[in-house]
Amino acid sequence: MPTKSLNANLHKASRAKKDEFYTQLVDIEKELKHYKEQFQNKIVYCNCDDPYESNFFKYFASNFNALGLKKLITTSYSGSPIVGGQLPLFQVAGSKGKQPFKIEIKEVPDTDKDGAINLDDVKYLLKHDKNTATPLKGSGDFRSDECIELLKQTDIVVTNPPFSLFREYVAQLVKYEKKFLILGQQGAIIYKEFIPLIKENKVWLGYDNGGTKWFQVPMDYDIPTESRKKIVNGVKYFSMGSVNWYTNLYVTNRHEKFTLYKKYSPKEYPKYDNYNAINVNRYIDIPMDYDGEMGVPITFLDKHNPDQFEIIGLDRYTGKNGDKDFTINGQLLFRRLLIKKKK
């Protein structure tokens, strides 16, 4: 491998290690409650989720029977920084030290006979059934050959991928035509590689989008901004700011008609200097009587109904204005989604 390529890969790996954020169970439960019927008899793969720490694994394993899953697959990775949290290494039969491995669950029996499947049943299964854990040959990276082979047999992928590898991660899901529900920064909407997927209705938003979400991080993780960190019961948390759920599963809200009430006026809705479209400062102010192209904030995507509006593109990536940001009277604006009402 050329030195330049090797250094680039090492740099990517370093960045990925720095954005190992563990999603809180309350955030997972809040979103996943909307999709229960879509998981019936499906193979779910959490391919960025060390089961020692992952609340995604905890959620799906504990709700395996309630969701009617066919199979749950989780692949761990080497060098996890919070090993020994929820599911300590010694409790997983077949695991060897910090060696990455695959956990594959096909059923979760009610071992404590309390009439319900819970985390205690999952822990008992992992501790006593050595067939649930199989060592991996590689590092457990989602891009490795063995993880891709697992991806191919999967119906739905649900996880919190490394934000620094978000573009590459989504591209892989699209390549293998997988259903998915993943977390990502709100700013991912403006990625040049991501906006075509939104435009072509291959990716959209889930239910619980924006707002502050707190992620567990290693205690030695450096968070210079005080407002973005907190420690609760000896556990350190980091806020990434606005975070979205991105998916291609069915979302009911996506087909609710957005009510328009304002009327167009050239004074309130000026046109851009370098593109033939009007500017709308807030998505709630979209005029009901304007049929041309409009630039709206990226937060519009949370209200987007593909039966009501067409997404044309993102300001600088329209291919019509020299890939420049939009301006009004020479003043730069925040990023804008270009939309148009459907007839």
C-alpha atoms as a PDB file:
ATOM      1  CA  MET A   1       0.000   0.000   0.000  1.00  0.00           C
ATOM      2  CA  PRO A   2       1.455   3.432  -0.939  1.00  0.00           C
ATOM      3  CA  THR A   3       2.618   5.541   2.002  1.00  0.00           C
ATOM      4  CA  LYS A   4       0.160   8.339   1.229  1.00  0.00           C
ATOM      5  CA  SER A   5      -2.784   5.909   1.179  1.00  0.00           C
ATOM      6  CA  LEU A   6      -1.598   4.225   4.370  1.00  0.00           C
ATOM      7  CA  ASN A   7      -1.292   7.545   6.196  1.00  0.00           C
ATOM      8  CA  ALA A   8      -4.760   8.572   5.014  1.00  0.00           C
ATOM      9  CA  ASN A   9      -6.246   5.329   6.323  1.00  0.00           C
ATOM     10  CA  LEU A  10      -4.479   5.718   9.660  1.00  0.00           C
ATOM     11  CA  HIS A  11      -5.776   9.274   9.934  1.00  0.00           C
ATOM     12  CA  LYS A  12      -9.322   8.063   9.230  1.00  0.00           C
ATOM     13  CA  ALA A  13      -8.979   5.354  11.845  1.00  0.00           C
ATOM     14  CA  SER A  14      -7.744   7.902  14.371  1.00  0.00           C
ATOM     15  CA  ARG A  15     -10.692  10.196  13.703  1.00  0.00           C
ATOM     16  CA  ALA A  16     -13.120   7.293  13.936  1.00  0.00           C
ATOM     17  CA  LYS A  17     -11.707   6.366  17.335  1.00  0.00           C
ATOM     18  CA  LYS A  18     -12.264   9.939  18.523  1.00  0.00           C
ATOM     19  CA  ASP A  19     -15.948   9.895  17.613  1.00  0.00           C
ATOM     20  CA  GLU A  20     -16.861   6.709  19.446  1.00  0.00           C
ATOM     21  CA  PHE A  21     -20.063   7.991  20.971  1.00  0.00           C
ATOM     22  CA  TYR A  22     -22.485   5.626  22.690  1.00  0.00           C
ATOM     23  CA  THR A  23     -26.169   6.379  22.236  1.00  0.00           C
ATOM     24  CA  GLN A  24     -28.386   6.503  25.299  1.00  0.00           C
ATOM     25  CA  LEU A  25     -31.116   3.876  25.595  1.00  0.00           C
ATOM     26  CA  VAL A  26     -33.805   6.516  26.118  1.00  0.00           C
ATOM     27  CA  ASP A  27     -33.027   8.056  22.698  1.00  0.00           C
ATOM     28  CA  ILE A  28     -33.125   4.639  21.014  1.00  0.00           C
ATOM     29  CA  GLU A  29     -36.438   3.701  22.621  1.00  0.00           C
ATOM     30  CA  LYS A  30     -37.951   7.074  21.715  1.00  0.00           C
ATOM     31  CA  GLU A  31     -37.213   6.534  18.008  1.00  0.00           C
ATOM     32  CA  LEU A  32     -37.551   2.768  17.609  1.00  0.00           C
ATOM     33  CA  LYS A  33     -41.080   2.631  19.043  1.00  0.00           C
ATOM     34  CA  HIS A  34     -42.372   3.932  15.695  1.00  0.00           C
ATOM     35  CA  TYR A  35     -41.078   1.048  13.568  1.00  0.00           C
ATOM     36  CA  LYS A  36     -42.155  -2.113  15.439  1.00  0.00           C
ATOM     37  CA  GLU A  37     -44.130  -3.722  12.592  1.00  0.00           C
ATOM     38  CA  GLN A  38     -41.281  -3.164  10.118  1.00  0.00           C
ATOM     39  CA  PHE A  39     -38.925  -5.378  12.147  1.00  0.00           C
ATOM     40  CA  GLN A  40     -41.193  -8.424  12.117  1.00  0.00           C
ATOM     41  CA  ASN A  41     -39.252 -11.524  10.925  1.00  0.00           C
ATOM     42  CA  LYS A  42     -36.253  -9.401   9.909  1.00  0.00           C
ATOM     43  CA  ILE A  43     -32.498  -9.869  10.360  1.00  0.00           C
ATOM     44  CA  VAL A  44     -31.120  -6.812  12.157  1.00  0.00           C
ATOM     45  CA  TYR A  45     -27.434  -5.934  12.051  1.00  0.00           C
ATOM     46  CA  CYS A  46     -25.709  -3.480  14.397  1.00  0.00           C
ATOM     47  CA  ASN A  47     -22.339  -3.217  12.673  1.00  0.00           C
ATOM     48  CA  CYS A  48     -20.829  -0.333  14.644  1.00  0.00           C
ATOM     49  CA  ASP A  49     -21.861  -1.593  18.069  1.00  0.00           C
ATOM     50  CA  ASP A  50     -19.597  -3.345  20.507  1.00  0.00           C
ATOM     51  CA  PRO A  51     -22.133  -5.293  22.618  1.00  0.00           C
ATOM     52  CA  TYR A  52     -20.099  -4.478  25.749  1.00  0.00           C
ATOM     53  CA  GLU A  53     -21.317  -0.892  25.533  1.00  0.00           C
ATOM     54  CA  SER A  54     -23.981  -0.669  22.863  1.00  0.00           C
ATOM     55  CA  ASN A  55     -27.488   0.260  23.900  1.00  0.00           C
ATOM     56  CA  PHE A  56     -28.593  -0.693  20.387  1.00  0.00           C
ATOM     57  CA  PHE A  57     -27.595  -4.272  21.166  1.00  0.00           C
ATOM     58  CA  LYS A  58     -29.254  -4.009  24.574  1.00  0.00           C
ATOM     59  CA  TYR A  59     -32.492  -2.745  23.001  1.00  0.00           C
ATOM     60  CA  PHE A  60     -32.779  -5.349  20.259  1.00  0.00           C
ATOM     61  CA  ALA A  61     -31.678  -8.273  22.420  1.00  0.00           C
ATOM     62  CA  SER A  62     -34.118  -7.365  25.202  1.00  0.00           C
ATOM     63  CA  ASN A  63     -36.943  -6.824  22.691  1.00  0.00           C
ATOM     64  CA  PHE A  64     -36.019  -9.713  20.397  1.00  0.00           C
ATOM     65  CA  ASN A  65     -39.311 -11.573  20.876  1.00  0.00           C
ATOM     66  CA  ALA A  66     -41.497  -8.466  21.182  1.00  0.00           C
ATOM     67  CA  LEU A  67     -40.255  -7.242  17.789  1.00  0.00           C
ATOM     68  CA  GLY A  68     -40.518 -10.715  16.262  1.00  0.00           C
ATOM     69  CA  LEU A  69     -36.934 -10.617  14.972  1.00  0.00           C
ATOM     70  CA  LYS A  70     -35.594 -13.465  12.882  1.00  0.00           C
ATOM     71  CA  LYS A  71     -31.991 -12.810  13.898  1.00  0.00           C
ATOM     72  CA  LEU A  72     -29.835 -10.174  15.600  1.00  0.00           C
ATOM     73  CA  ILE A  73     -26.207  -9.739  14.571  1.00  0.00           C
ATOM     74  CA  THR A  74     -23.697  -7.482  16.296  1.00  0.00           C
ATOM     75  CA  THR A  75     -20.017  -7.187  15.461  1.00  0.00           C
ATOM     76  CA  SER A  76     -17.561  -5.868  18.019  1.00  0.00           C
ATOM     77  CA  TYR A  77     -14.225  -4.246  17.302  1.00  0.00           C
ATOM     78  CA  SER A  78     -10.782  -4.283  18.787  1.00  0.00           C
ATOM     79  CA  GLY A  79      -9.602  -1.604  21.213  1.00  0.00           C
ATOM     80  CA  SER A  80     -12.982  -0.515  22.546  1.00  0.00           C
ATOM     81  CA  PRO A  81     -12.367   2.267  25.110  1.00  0.00           C
ATOM     82  CA  ILE A  82     -15.213   1.426  27.529  1.00  0.00           C
ATOM     83  CA  VAL A  83     -14.942  -2.372  27.716  1.00  0.00           C
ATOM     84  CA  GLY A  84     -16.556  -3.853  30.793  1.00  0.00           C
ATOM     85  CA  GLY A  85     -19.579  -1.557  31.024  1.00  0.00           C
ATOM     86  CA  GLN A  86     -22.890  -3.268  30.387  1.00  0.00           C
ATOM     87  CA  LEU A  87     -21.707  -6.723  29.338  1.00  0.00           C
ATOM     88  CA  PRO A  88     -18.233  -7.503  30.733  1.00  0.00           C
ATOM     89  CA  LEU A  89     -15.957  -9.709  28.603  1.00  0.00           C
ATOM     90  CA  PHE A  90     -15.923 -12.669  30.956  1.00  0.00           C
ATOM     91  CA  GLN A  91     -19.714 -12.997  30.694  1.00  0.00           C
ATOM     92  CA  VAL A  92     -19.691 -13.768  26.973  1.00  0.00           C
ATOM     93  CA  ALA A  93     -19.076 -17.452  26.293  1.00  0.00           C
ATOM     94  CA  GLY A  94     -16.582 -17.989  23.476  1.00  0.00           C
ATOM     95  CA  SER A  95     -14.983 -14.546  23.625  1.00  0.00           C
ATOM     96  CA  LYS A  96     -11.250 -14.284  24.115  1.00  0.00           C
ATOM     97  CA  GLY A  97      -9.934 -11.132  25.722  1.00  0.00           C
ATOM     98  CA  LYS A  98     -10.303  -8.063  23.518  1.00  0.00           C
ATOM     99  CA  GLN A  99     -10.487 -10.060  20.301  1.00  0.00           C
ATOM    100  CA  PRO A 100     -13.314  -8.702  18.104  1.00  0.00           C
ATOM    101  CA  PHE A 101     -16.169 -11.112  17.537  1.00  0.00           C
ATOM    102  CA  LYS A 102     -19.642 -11.565  16.150  1.00  0.00           C
ATOM    103  CA  ILE A 103     -22.663 -12.117  18.363  1.00  0.00           C
ATOM    104  CA  GLU A 104     -25.537 -13.816  16.578  1.00  0.00           C
ATOM    105  CA  ILE A 105     -28.841 -14.363  18.360  1.00  0.00           C
ATOM    106  CA  LYS A 106     -31.647 -16.438  16.834  1.00  0.00           C
ATOM    107  CA  GLU A 107     -33.798 -16.721  19.937  1.00  0.00           C
ATOM    108  CA  VAL A 108     -33.901 -15.438  23.509  1.00  0.00           C
ATOM    109  CA  PRO A 109     -35.562 -17.952  25.893  1.00  0.00           C
ATOM    110  CA  ASP A 110     -37.186 -16.913  29.169  1.00  0.00           C
ATOM    111  CA  THR A 111     -34.505 -18.529  31.331  1.00  0.00           C
ATOM    112  CA  ASP A 112     -35.589 -16.985  34.643  1.00  0.00           C
ATOM    113  CA  LYS A 113     -39.233 -18.026  34.002  1.00  0.00           C
ATOM    114  CA  ASP A 114     -40.628 -14.628  34.959  1.00  0.00           C
ATOM    115  CA  GLY A 115     -42.897 -14.496  31.913  1.00  0.00           C
ATOM    116  CA  ALA A 116     -40.957 -11.723  30.197  1.00  0.00           C
ATOM    117  CA  ILE A 117     -37.786 -11.403  28.136  1.00  0.00           C
ATOM    118  CA  ASN A 118     -35.350  -8.923  29.656  1.00  0.00           C
ATOM    119  CA  LEU A 119     -31.642  -8.151  29.841  1.00  0.00           C
ATOM    120  CA  ASP A 120     -31.099 -10.848  32.490  1.00  0.00           C
ATOM    121  CA  ASP A 121     -32.237 -13.465  29.949  1.00  0.00           C
ATOM    122  CA  VAL A 122     -29.853 -11.988  27.374  1.00  0.00           C
ATOM    123  CA  LYS A 123     -26.934 -12.043  29.832  1.00  0.00           C
ATOM    124  CA  TYR A 124     -27.663 -15.666  30.706  1.00  0.00           C
ATOM    125  CA  LEU A 125     -27.730 -16.592  27.017  1.00  0.00           C
ATOM    126  CA  LEU A 126     -24.407 -14.881  26.317  1.00  0.00           C
ATOM    127  CA  LYS A 127     -22.774 -16.396  29.360  1.00  0.00           C
ATOM    128  CA  HIS A 128     -23.865 -20.004  28.769  1.00  0.00           C
ATOM    129  CA  ASP A 129     -24.264 -20.450  24.993  1.00  0.00           C
ATOM    130  CA  LYS A 130     -20.847 -20.399  23.352  1.00  0.00           C
ATOM    131  CA  ASN A 131     -22.472 -20.584  19.901  1.00  0.00           C
ATOM    132  CA  THR A 132     -23.695 -16.993  20.186  1.00  0.00           C
ATOM    133  CA  ALA A 133     -20.160 -15.540  19.972  1.00  0.00           C
ATOM    134  CA  THR A 134     -17.754 -16.249  17.112  1.00  0.00           C
ATOM    135  CA  PRO A 135     -14.278 -14.650  16.857  1.00  0.00           C
ATOM    136  CA  LEU A 136     -13.671 -12.412  13.851  1.00  0.00           C
ATOM    137  CA  LYS A 137     -10.518 -12.659  11.770  1.00  0.00           C
ATOM    138  CA  GLY A 138     -10.221  -8.917  11.262  1.00  0.00           C
ATOM    139  CA  SER A 139     -10.774  -5.819  13.367  1.00  0.00           C
ATOM    140  CA  GLY A 140     -14.571  -5.776  13.109  1.00  0.00           C
ATOM    141  CA  ASP A 141     -14.523  -2.627  10.966  1.00  0.00           C
ATOM    142  CA  PHE A 142     -17.796  -2.247   9.006  1.00  0.00           C
ATOM    143  CA  ARG A 143     -15.722  -2.064   5.801  1.00  0.00           C
ATOM    144  CA  SER A 144     -13.979  -5.405   6.344  1.00  0.00           C
ATOM    145  CA  ASP A 145     -14.794  -8.355   4.064  1.00  0.00           C
ATOM    146  CA  GLU A 146     -16.363 -10.453   6.824  1.00  0.00           C
ATOM    147  CA  CYS A 147     -18.559  -7.579   8.026  1.00  0.00           C
ATOM    148  CA  ILE A 148     -19.675  -6.909   4.451  1.00  0.00           C
ATOM    149  CA  GLU A 149     -20.643 -10.573   4.104  1.00  0.00           C
ATOM    150  CA  LEU A 150     -22.795 -10.208   7.217  1.00  0.00           C
ATOM    151  CA  LEU A 151     -24.283  -7.028   5.760  1.00  0.00           C
ATOM    152  CA  LYS A 152     -25.338  -8.895   2.625  1.00  0.00           C
ATOM    153  CA  GLN A 153     -27.558 -11.290   4.611  1.00  0.00           C
ATOM    154  CA  THR A 154     -29.105  -8.461   6.636  1.00  0.00           C
ATOM    155  CA  ASP A 155     -32.545  -6.888   6.214  1.00  0.00           C
ATOM    156  CA  ILE A 156     -32.175  -3.752   8.366  1.00  0.00           C
ATOM    157  CA  VAL A 157     -29.103  -1.985   9.765  1.00  0.00           C
ATOM    158  CA  VAL A 158     -29.564   0.094  12.924  1.00  0.00           C
ATOM    159  CA  THR A 159     -26.659   1.865  14.604  1.00  0.00           C
ATOM    160  CA  ASN A 160     -24.779   5.057  15.393  1.00  0.00           C
ATOM    161  CA  PRO A 161     -21.914   5.006  12.852  1.00  0.00           C
ATOM    162  CA  PRO A 162     -18.705   7.037  13.323  1.00  0.00           C
ATOM    163  CA  PHE A 163     -19.669  10.553  12.309  1.00  0.00           C
ATOM    164  CA  SER A 164     -16.294  11.118  10.625  1.00  0.00           C
ATOM    165  CA  LEU A 165     -16.995   8.145   8.335  1.00  0.00           C
ATOM    166  CA  PHE A 166     -20.656   8.979   7.738  1.00  0.00           C
ATOM    167  CA  ARG A 167     -20.354   9.523   3.964  1.00  0.00           C
ATOM    168  CA  GLU A 168     -18.550   6.239   3.448  1.00  0.00           C
ATOM    169  CA  TYR A 169     -20.920   4.397   5.751  1.00  0.00           C
ATOM    170  CA  VAL A 170     -24.092   5.568   3.982  1.00  0.00           C
ATOM    171  CA  ALA A 171     -22.566   4.881   0.570  1.00  0.00           C
ATOM    172  CA  GLN A 172     -22.039   1.263   1.609  1.00  0.00           C
ATOM    173  CA  LEU A 173     -25.652   0.886   2.748  1.00  0.00           C
ATOM    174  CA  VAL A 174     -26.916   2.311  -0.542  1.00  0.00           C
ATOM    175  CA  LYS A 175     -24.561   0.114  -2.558  1.00  0.00           C
ATOM    176  CA  TYR A 176     -25.935  -3.045  -0.963  1.00  0.00           C
ATOM    177  CA  GLU A 177     -29.526  -1.735  -1.050  1.00  0.00           C
ATOM    178  CA  LYS A 178     -30.142  -2.136   2.678  1.00  0.00           C
ATOM    179  CA  LYS A 179     -32.907  -0.755   4.836  1.00  0.00           C
ATOM    180  CA  PHE A 180     -31.454   1.301   7.665  1.00  0.00           C
ATOM    181  CA  LEU A 181     -32.044   3.590  10.621  1.00  0.00           C
ATOM    182  CA  ILE A 182     -28.928   5.465  11.715  1.00  0.00           C
ATOM    183  CA  LEU A 183     -27.894   8.550  13.662  1.00  0.00           C
ATOM    184  CA  GLY A 184     -25.939  11.386  12.080  1.00  0.00           C
ATOM    185  CA  GLN A 185     -25.211  15.063  12.537  1.00  0.00           C
ATOM    186  CA  GLN A 186     -27.784  17.485  11.185  1.00  0.00           C
ATOM    187  CA  GLY A 187     -24.994  18.955   9.062  1.00  0.00           C
ATOM    188  CA  ALA A 188     -24.768  15.708   7.073  1.00  0.00           C
ATOM    189  CA  ILE A 189     -27.616  17.108   4.978  1.00  0.00           C
ATOM    190  CA  ILE A 190     -25.190  19.500   3.281  1.00  0.00           C
ATOM    191  CA  TYR A 191     -22.645  16.834   2.264  1.00  0.00           C
ATOM    192  CA  LYS A 192     -22.150  16.854  -1.489  1.00  0.00           C
ATOM    193  CA  GLU A 193     -22.377  13.035  -1.582  1.00  0.00           C
ATOM    194  CA  PHE A 194     -25.490  12.932   0.617  1.00  0.00           C
ATOM    195  CA  ILE A 195     -27.798  15.531  -0.914  1.00  0.00           C
ATOM    196  CA  PRO A 196     -28.420  13.483  -4.128  1.00  0.00           C
ATOM    197  CA  LEU A 197     -29.729  10.624  -1.958  1.00  0.00           C
ATOM    198  CA  ILE A 198     -32.181  12.999  -0.280  1.00  0.00           C
ATOM    199  CA  LYS A 199     -33.185  14.462  -3.645  1.00  0.00           C
ATOM    200  CA  GLU A 200     -33.827  10.984  -5.101  1.00  0.00           C
ATOM    201  CA  ASN A 201     -35.857   9.877  -2.055  1.00  0.00           C
ATOM    202  CA  LYS A 202     -33.337   7.235  -1.055  1.00  0.00           C
ATOM    203  CA  VAL A 203     -32.822   8.764   2.421  1.00  0.00           C
ATOM    204  CA  TRP A 204     -35.076  10.838   4.652  1.00  0.00           C
ATOM    205  CA  LEU A 205     -35.488  11.765   8.315  1.00  0.00           C
ATOM    206  CA  GLY A 206     -36.963   9.674  11.095  1.00  0.00           C
ATOM    207  CA  TYR A 207     -39.087  11.044  13.951  1.00  0.00           C
ATOM    208  CA  ASP A 208     -36.895  12.434  16.761  1.00  0.00           C
ATOM    209  CA  ASN A 209     -34.676  14.917  14.931  1.00  0.00           C
ATOM    210  CA  GLY A 210     -32.645  17.939  15.972  1.00  0.00           C
ATOM    211  CA  GLY A 211     -32.346  19.077  19.556  1.00  0.00           C
ATOM    212  CA  THR A 212     -29.656  18.030  22.012  1.00  0.00           C
ATOM    213  CA  LYS A 213     -28.728  14.370  22.383  1.00  0.00           C
ATOM    214  CA  TRP A 214     -26.124  13.265  24.912  1.00  0.00           C
ATOM    215  CA  PHE A 215     -23.706  10.450  24.046  1.00  0.00           C
ATOM    216  CA  GLN A 216     -21.552   8.471  26.451  1.00  0.00           C
ATOM    217  CA  VAL A 217     -17.810   8.871  25.830  1.00  0.00           C
ATOM    218  CA  PRO A 218     -14.647   7.547  27.523  1.00  0.00           C
ATOM    219  CA  MET A 219     -13.716   9.432  30.701  1.00  0.00           C
ATOM    220  CA  ASP A 220     -10.440  10.598  29.107  1.00  0.00           C
ATOM    221  CA  TYR A 221     -12.260  12.061  26.099  1.00  0.00           C
ATOM    222  CA  ASP A 222     -11.316  15.752  25.751  1.00  0.00           C
ATOM    223  CA  ILE A 223     -14.331  18.079  25.622  1.00  0.00           C
ATOM    224  CA  PRO A 224     -13.079  21.695  25.773  1.00  0.00           C
ATOM    225  CA  THR A 225     -16.562  23.279  25.721  1.00  0.00           C
ATOM    226  CA  GLU A 226     -18.195  23.105  29.152  1.00  0.00           C
ATOM    227  CA  SER A 227     -21.756  23.358  27.844  1.00  0.00           C
ATOM    228  CA  ARG A 228     -21.212  20.237  25.754  1.00  0.00           C
ATOM    229  CA  LYS A 229     -20.161  17.920  28.537  1.00  0.00           C
ATOM    230  CA  LYS A 230     -21.574  16.505  31.745  1.00  0.00           C
ATOM    231  CA  ILE A 231     -20.769  13.705  34.177  1.00  0.00           C
ATOM    232  CA  VAL A 232     -23.630  11.749  35.743  1.00  0.00           C
ATOM    233  CA  ASN A 233     -22.981   8.931  38.227  1.00  0.00           C
ATOM    234  CA  GLY A 234     -19.388   8.662  37.093  1.00  0.00           C
ATOM    235  CA  VAL A 235     -20.301   8.480  33.391  1.00  0.00           C
ATOM    236  CA  LYS A 236     -19.127  11.163  30.969  1.00  0.00           C
ATOM    237  CA  TYR A 237     -21.439  12.505  28.263  1.00  0.00           C
ATOM    238  CA  PHE A 238     -20.850  14.694  25.228  1.00  0.00           C
ATOM    239  CA  SER A 239     -23.430  16.672  23.253  1.00  0.00           C
ATOM    240  CA  MET A 240     -22.902  16.755  19.492  1.00  0.00           C
ATOM    241  CA  GLY A 241     -25.448  19.514  19.017  1.00  0.00           C
ATOM    242  CA  SER A 242     -28.294  18.815  16.599  1.00  0.00           C
ATOM    243  CA  VAL A 243     -28.456  15.161  15.570  1.00  0.00           C
ATOM    244  CA  ASN A 244     -30.898  13.465  13.181  1.00  0.00           C
ATOM    245  CA  TRP A 245     -32.170   9.976  12.561  1.00  0.00           C
ATOM    246  CA  TYR A 246     -31.654   9.100   8.884  1.00  0.00           C
ATOM    247  CA  THR A 247     -33.583   6.213   7.373  1.00  0.00           C
ATOM    248  CA  ASN A 248     -35.295   4.632   4.378  1.00  0.00           C
ATOM    249  CA  LEU A 249     -37.896   2.843   6.499  1.00  0.00           C
ATOM    250  CA  TYR A 250     -41.518   3.965   6.296  1.00  0.00           C
ATOM    251  CA  VAL A 251     -42.118   7.143   8.324  1.00  0.00           C
ATOM    252  CA  THR A 252     -45.740   8.180   8.845  1.00  0.00           C
ATOM    253  CA  ASN A 253     -44.948  11.874   9.400  1.00  0.00           C
ATOM    254  CA  ARG A 254     -43.343  12.065   5.996  1.00  0.00           C
ATOM    255  CA  HIS A 255     -46.743  11.842   4.312  1.00  0.00           C
ATOM    256  CA  GLU A 256     -48.537  14.489   6.344  1.00  0.00           C
ATOM    257  CA  LYS A 257     -49.421  17.565   4.308  1.00  0.00           C
ATOM    258  CA  PHE A 258     -47.654  20.725   5.451  1.00  0.00           C
ATOM    259  CA  THR A 259     -50.156  23.588   5.797  1.00  0.00           C
ATOM    260  CA  LEU A 260     -49.205  26.816   4.008  1.00  0.00           C
ATOM    261  CA  TYR A 261     -50.847  30.092   4.971  1.00  0.00           C
ATOM    262  CA  LYS A 262     -48.660  33.018   3.834  1.00  0.00           C
ATOM    263  CA  LYS A 263     -48.925  34.879   0.526  1.00  0.00           C
ATOM    264  CA  TYR A 264     -46.005  35.768  -1.714  1.00  0.00           C
ATOM    265  CA  SER A 265     -44.658  39.305  -1.972  1.00  0.00           C
ATOM    266  CA  PRO A 266     -41.388  40.328  -3.683  1.00  0.00           C
ATOM    267  CA  LYS A 267     -40.426  42.441  -0.683  1.00  0.00           C
ATOM    268  CA  GLU A 268     -40.727  39.644   1.872  1.00  0.00           C
ATOM    269  CA  TYR A 269     -39.268  36.976  -0.421  1.00  0.00           C
ATOM    270  CA  PRO A 270     -36.299  38.491  -2.320  1.00  0.00           C
ATOM    271  CA  LYS A 271     -34.539  36.584  -5.073  1.00  0.00           C
ATOM    272  CA  TYR A 272     -30.925  35.479  -4.833  1.00  0.00           C
ATOM    273  CA  ASP A 273     -28.220  37.428  -6.631  1.00  0.00           C
ATOM    274  CA  ASN A 274     -26.857  34.345  -8.353  1.00  0.00           C
ATOM    275  CA  TYR A 275     -29.832  31.994  -8.727  1.00  0.00           C
ATOM    276  CA  ASN A 276     -33.419  32.360  -9.938  1.00  0.00           C
ATOM    277  CA  ALA A 277     -35.231  31.416  -6.737  1.00  0.00           C
ATOM    278  CA  ILE A 278     -36.786  33.254  -3.805  1.00  0.00           C
ATOM    279  CA  ASN A 279     -35.425  33.078  -0.276  1.00  0.00           C
ATOM    280  CA  VAL A 280     -37.606  31.772   2.566  1.00  0.00           C
ATOM    281  CA  ASN A 281     -36.066  32.417   5.986  1.00  0.00           C
ATOM    282  CA  ARG A 282     -38.253  29.918   7.866  1.00  0.00           C
ATOM    283  CA  TYR A 283     -39.908  26.824   6.459  1.00  0.00           C
ATOM    284  CA  ILE A 284     -43.193  27.799   8.168  1.00  0.00           C
ATOM    285  CA  ASP A 285     -43.216  30.903   5.932  1.00  0.00           C
ATOM    286  CA  ILE A 286     -43.266  29.022   2.610  1.00  0.00           C
ATOM    287  CA  PRO A 287     -45.788  30.971   0.481  1.00  0.00           C
ATOM    288  CA  MET A 288     -48.867  29.081  -0.620  1.00  0.00           C
ATOM    289  CA  ASP A 289     -49.196  30.945  -3.935  1.00  0.00           C
ATOM    290  CA  TYR A 290     -45.642  30.719  -5.347  1.00  0.00           C
ATOM    291  CA  ASP A 291     -44.893  27.915  -7.804  1.00  0.00           C
ATOM    292  CA  GLY A 292     -41.252  28.660  -8.626  1.00  0.00           C
ATOM    293  CA  GLU A 293     -38.089  27.470  -6.920  1.00  0.00           C
ATOM    294  CA  MET A 294     -37.520  28.437  -3.277  1.00  0.00           C
ATOM    295  CA  GLY A 295     -34.529  28.259  -0.964  1.00  0.00           C
ATOM    296  CA  VAL A 296     -35.399  27.067   2.555  1.00  0.00           C
ATOM    297  CA  PRO A 297     -33.336  26.204   5.662  1.00  0.00           C
ATOM    298  CA  ILE A 298     -32.108  22.601   5.899  1.00  0.00           C
ATOM    299  CA  THR A 299     -34.422  22.125   8.896  1.00  0.00           C
ATOM    300  CA  PHE A 300     -37.223  21.959   6.302  1.00  0.00           C
ATOM    301  CA  LEU A 301     -36.266  18.355   5.701  1.00  0.00           C
ATOM    302  CA  ASP A 302     -37.952  17.374   8.972  1.00  0.00           C
ATOM    303  CA  LYS A 303     -41.278  18.557   7.477  1.00  0.00           C
ATOM    304  CA  HIS A 304     -40.704  17.413   3.910  1.00  0.00           C
ATOM    305  CA  ASN A 305     -43.564  15.571   2.246  1.00  0.00           C
ATOM    306  CA  PRO A 306     -42.412  14.124  -1.110  1.00  0.00           C
ATOM    307  CA  ASP A 307     -46.023  14.197  -2.340  1.00  0.00           C
ATOM    308  CA  GLN A 308     -46.197  17.955  -1.728  1.00  0.00           C
ATOM    309  CA  PHE A 309     -42.687  19.219  -2.537  1.00  0.00           C
ATOM    310  CA  GLU A 310     -39.838  18.344  -4.863  1.00  0.00           C
ATOM    311  CA  ILE A 311     -36.289  18.744  -3.550  1.00  0.00           C
ATOM    312  CA  ILE A 312     -34.177  20.206  -6.344  1.00  0.00           C
ATOM    313  CA  GLY A 313     -30.833  20.275  -4.556  1.00  0.00           C
ATOM    314  CA  LEU A 314     -28.596  22.238  -2.231  1.00  0.00           C
ATOM    315  CA  ASP A 315     -27.585  25.822  -3.014  1.00  0.00           C
ATOM    316  CA  ARG A 316     -23.967  25.440  -4.072  1.00  0.00           C
ATOM    317  CA  TYR A 317     -24.465  21.985  -5.592  1.00  0.00           C
ATOM    318  CA  THR A 318     -27.197  22.830  -8.081  1.00  0.00           C
ATOM    319  CA  GLY A 319     -24.751  22.901 -10.979  1.00  0.00           C
ATOM    320  CA  LYS A 320     -26.402  26.112 -12.200  1.00  0.00           C
ATOM    321  CA  ASN A 321     -24.563  28.833 -10.315  1.00  0.00           C
ATOM    322  CA  GLY A 322     -20.940  27.793 -10.491  1.00  0.00           C
ATOM    323  CA  ASP A 323     -21.206  25.865  -7.231  1.00  0.00           C
ATOM    324  CA  LYS A 324     -21.280  29.062  -5.197  1.00  0.00           C
ATOM    325  CA  ASP A 325     -23.214  29.791  -2.015  1.00  0.00           C
ATOM    326  CA  PHE A 326     -26.309  31.914  -2.464  1.00  0.00           C
ATOM    327  CA  THR A 327     -26.188  35.640  -1.718  1.00  0.00           C
ATOM    328  CA  ILE A 328     -28.723  38.463  -1.409  1.00  0.00           C
ATOM    329  CA  ASN A 329     -27.313  41.950  -2.018  1.00  0.00           C
ATOM    330  CA  GLY A 330     -23.875  40.405  -1.794  1.00  0.00           C
ATOM    331  CA  GLN A 331     -24.474  38.911   1.660  1.00  0.00           C
ATOM    332  CA  LEU A 332     -23.819  35.207   2.176  1.00  0.00           C
ATOM    333  CA  LEU A 333     -26.637  33.111   3.577  1.00  0.00           C
ATOM    334  CA  PHE A 334     -26.735  29.920   5.581  1.00  0.00           C
ATOM    335  CA  ARG A 335     -27.082  26.803   3.473  1.00  0.00           C
ATOM    336  CA  ARG A 336     -30.380  26.473   1.634  1.00  0.00           C
ATOM    337  CA  LEU A 337     -32.299  23.520   0.261  1.00  0.00           C
ATOM    338  CA  LEU A 338     -33.925  24.283  -3.053  1.00  0.00           C
ATOM    339  CA  ILE A 339     -37.504  23.079  -3.267  1.00  0.00           C
ATOM    340  CA  LYS A 340     -40.508  23.471  -5.513  1.00  0.00           C
ATOM    341  CA  LYS A 341     -44.161  22.697  -4.951  1.00  0.00           C
ATOM    342  CA  LYS A 342     -45.560  19.770  -6.869  1.00  0.00           C
ATOM    343  CA  LYS A 343     -48.549  20.344  -9.100  1.00  0.00           C
END
